[in-house]
Amino acid sequence: MNDKTKQITHERIRMFNTKETYPNQSLDNDLCQAVRAENTVYVRGQVGTNFEGNLVGLGDPAAQAEQAMKNVEQLLAEAGSELSHIVKTTTYITDPRYREPVYRVVGKWLKGVFPISTGLVVSGLAQPEWLMEIDVIAVIPEERA
């Protein structure tokens, strides 16, 4: 390997293994919560579970969205970005009736940001108690990168 091959192209933020985070499933995958690649940050789908593994808002899509957005804000900060630098969101809900409560919360957090957005209604998420999930892509302005 030469020096160019060894060059770090991205930073993994909050690495974890699914064996510990999902003990109810027989998985063994190495993942992370976010990746910073040059001036772009990719945030893994966030749900109503805090970083200690506790679900916030059982049965309440708005409360789960609130926690998910807290997670997004924290992960972006750890990557050197912030909510105002989000360029794309993808929101998943498990029931079309959750659209308004979830989008109200997300809209409050992203007021004035104007990202592009995709919303999907899905039959289920990775855990049955999760009612919504959001992933985002953000940038880091040149002066910060």
Protein backbone atom coordinates (compact mmCIF):
# COMPACT_ATOMS: atom_id res chain seq x y z
CA MET A 1 0.00 0.00 0.00
CA ASN A 2 1.24 3.46 -0.80
CA ASP A 3 0.42 6.62 1.17
CA LYS A 4 -2.49 7.49 -1.12
CA THR A 5 -4.16 4.13 -0.47
CA LYS A 6 -3.89 4.69 3.29
CA GLN A 7 -5.45 8.16 3.10
CA ILE A 8 -8.55 8.41 5.28
CA THR A 9 -11.50 9.31 3.09
CA HIS A 10 -14.17 9.51 5.76
CA GLU A 11 -14.82 9.53 9.49
CA ARG A 12 -17.25 7.14 11.16
CA ILE A 13 -19.22 8.63 14.05
CA ARG A 14 -20.61 6.52 16.91
CA MET A 15 -19.69 3.09 15.65
CA PHE A 16 -21.65 0.14 17.03
CA ASN A 17 -22.41 -3.51 16.45
CA THR A 18 -25.98 -4.71 16.05
CA LYS A 19 -25.30 -7.65 18.38
CA GLU A 20 -25.33 -5.22 21.32
CA THR A 21 -27.94 -2.75 20.08
CA TYR A 22 -30.51 -5.32 18.94
CA PRO A 23 -30.21 -8.24 21.39
CA ASN A 24 -33.67 -9.46 20.31
CA GLN A 25 -32.27 -10.21 16.84
CA SER A 26 -29.42 -12.51 15.83
CA LEU A 27 -27.39 -9.93 13.92
CA ASP A 28 -23.69 -9.12 13.99
CA ASN A 29 -23.21 -6.07 11.75
CA ASP A 30 -20.70 -3.26 12.25
CA LEU A 31 -22.39 0.09 11.59
CA CYS A 32 -22.19 3.71 12.66
CA GLN A 33 -24.64 6.53 13.30
CA ALA A 34 -23.10 8.99 10.84
CA VAL A 35 -20.31 9.29 8.32
CA ARG A 36 -18.44 12.45 7.42
CA ALA A 37 -16.97 12.21 3.91
CA GLU A 38 -15.07 15.40 3.06
CA ASN A 39 -17.70 18.13 3.47
CA THR A 40 -20.76 15.85 3.41
CA VAL A 41 -22.40 14.21 6.42
CA TYR A 42 -24.67 11.20 6.06
CA VAL A 43 -26.79 10.46 9.12
CA ARG A 44 -28.21 6.98 9.60
CA GLY A 45 -31.97 6.68 10.07
CA GLN A 46 -32.86 8.08 13.49
CA VAL A 47 -35.85 6.94 15.50
CA GLY A 48 -37.35 7.67 18.89
CA THR A 49 -34.54 5.87 20.72
CA ASN A 50 -31.93 7.92 22.54
CA PHE A 51 -28.22 7.10 22.45
CA GLU A 52 -28.55 5.11 25.68
CA GLY A 53 -30.95 2.75 23.87
CA ASN A 54 -34.16 3.91 25.54
CA LEU A 55 -37.28 4.41 23.45
CA VAL A 56 -38.89 7.81 23.97
CA GLY A 57 -42.59 8.06 23.13
CA LEU A 58 -43.95 4.52 22.96
CA GLY A 59 -47.04 4.78 20.72
CA ASP A 60 -46.49 8.52 20.14
CA PRO A 61 -45.14 9.42 16.68
CA ALA A 62 -44.60 13.10 17.58
CA ALA A 63 -42.52 12.24 20.67
CA GLN A 64 -40.49 9.76 18.63
CA ALA A 65 -39.89 12.42 15.96
CA GLU A 66 -38.75 14.86 18.67
CA GLN A 67 -36.17 12.36 19.94
CA ALA A 68 -35.07 11.48 16.42
CA MET A 69 -34.42 15.15 15.66
CA LYS A 70 -32.46 15.56 18.92
CA ASN A 71 -30.32 12.65 17.74
CA VAL A 72 -29.87 14.22 14.29
CA GLU A 73 -28.81 17.53 15.83
CA GLN A 74 -26.28 15.78 18.11
CA LEU A 75 -24.80 13.66 15.31
CA LEU A 76 -24.45 16.63 12.99
CA ALA A 77 -22.66 18.57 15.74
CA GLU A 78 -20.28 15.66 16.30
CA ALA A 79 -19.54 15.67 12.56
CA GLY A 80 -18.92 19.45 12.45
CA SER A 81 -22.24 20.41 10.87
CA GLU A 82 -25.62 21.60 12.10
CA LEU A 83 -29.33 21.45 11.30
CA SER A 84 -29.18 24.54 9.06
CA HIS A 85 -26.80 22.64 6.76
CA ILE A 86 -29.19 19.77 6.03
CA VAL A 87 -29.76 19.43 2.29
CA LYS A 88 -31.95 16.29 2.16
CA THR A 89 -34.26 14.39 4.48
CA THR A 90 -36.00 11.06 4.05
CA THR A 91 -38.81 10.39 6.50
CA TYR A 92 -40.44 7.01 6.97
CA ILE A 93 -43.75 6.57 8.83
CA THR A 94 -45.61 3.33 9.51
CA ASP A 95 -49.10 4.84 9.21
CA PRO A 96 -50.29 7.68 6.96
CA ARG A 97 -52.05 9.23 9.99
CA TYR A 98 -48.61 9.91 11.50
CA ARG A 99 -47.68 12.31 8.70
CA GLU A 100 -49.02 15.46 10.35
CA PRO A 101 -47.64 14.90 13.87
CA VAL A 102 -44.24 13.78 12.58
CA TYR A 103 -43.90 16.49 9.95
CA ARG A 104 -44.98 19.17 12.45
CA VAL A 105 -42.08 18.19 14.71
CA VAL A 106 -39.55 17.89 11.87
CA GLY A 107 -40.78 21.20 10.44
CA LYS A 108 -40.26 22.92 13.80
CA TRP A 109 -36.65 21.69 13.94
CA LEU A 110 -35.96 22.64 10.30
CA LYS A 111 -37.78 25.98 10.11
CA GLY A 112 -35.98 28.18 7.59
CA VAL A 113 -33.69 25.37 6.34
CA PHE A 114 -35.59 24.40 3.13
CA PRO A 115 -34.08 20.95 2.47
CA ILE A 116 -35.35 18.66 -0.24
CA SER A 117 -37.51 16.00 1.36
CA THR A 118 -38.83 12.55 0.60
CA GLY A 119 -41.56 10.94 2.69
CA LEU A 120 -42.55 7.30 2.63
CA VAL A 121 -45.24 5.23 4.28
CA VAL A 122 -43.79 1.79 5.01
CA SER A 123 -45.30 -1.40 6.40
CA GLY A 124 -42.81 -1.49 9.26
CA LEU A 125 -39.41 -0.46 10.57
CA ALA A 126 -36.61 -2.53 12.13
CA GLN A 127 -38.35 -2.64 15.54
CA PRO A 128 -42.15 -2.89 15.85
CA GLU A 129 -42.41 -0.05 18.39
CA TRP A 130 -40.76 2.44 16.01
CA LEU A 131 -43.41 4.57 14.29
CA MET A 132 -41.11 6.86 12.32
CA GLU A 133 -37.53 7.17 11.14
CA ILE A 134 -35.63 10.01 9.49
CA ASP A 135 -32.27 10.09 7.80
CA VAL A 136 -30.52 13.21 6.58
CA ILE A 137 -27.68 14.40 4.41
CA ALA A 138 -25.96 17.62 5.41
CA VAL A 139 -22.94 19.62 4.33
CA ILE A 140 -20.15 21.32 6.17
CA PRO A 141 -19.49 24.82 4.80
CA GLU A 142 -16.05 25.32 3.26
CA GLU A 143 -14.88 27.58 6.10
CA ARG A 144 -15.51 24.75 8.59
CA ALA A 145 -14.34 21.80 6.50
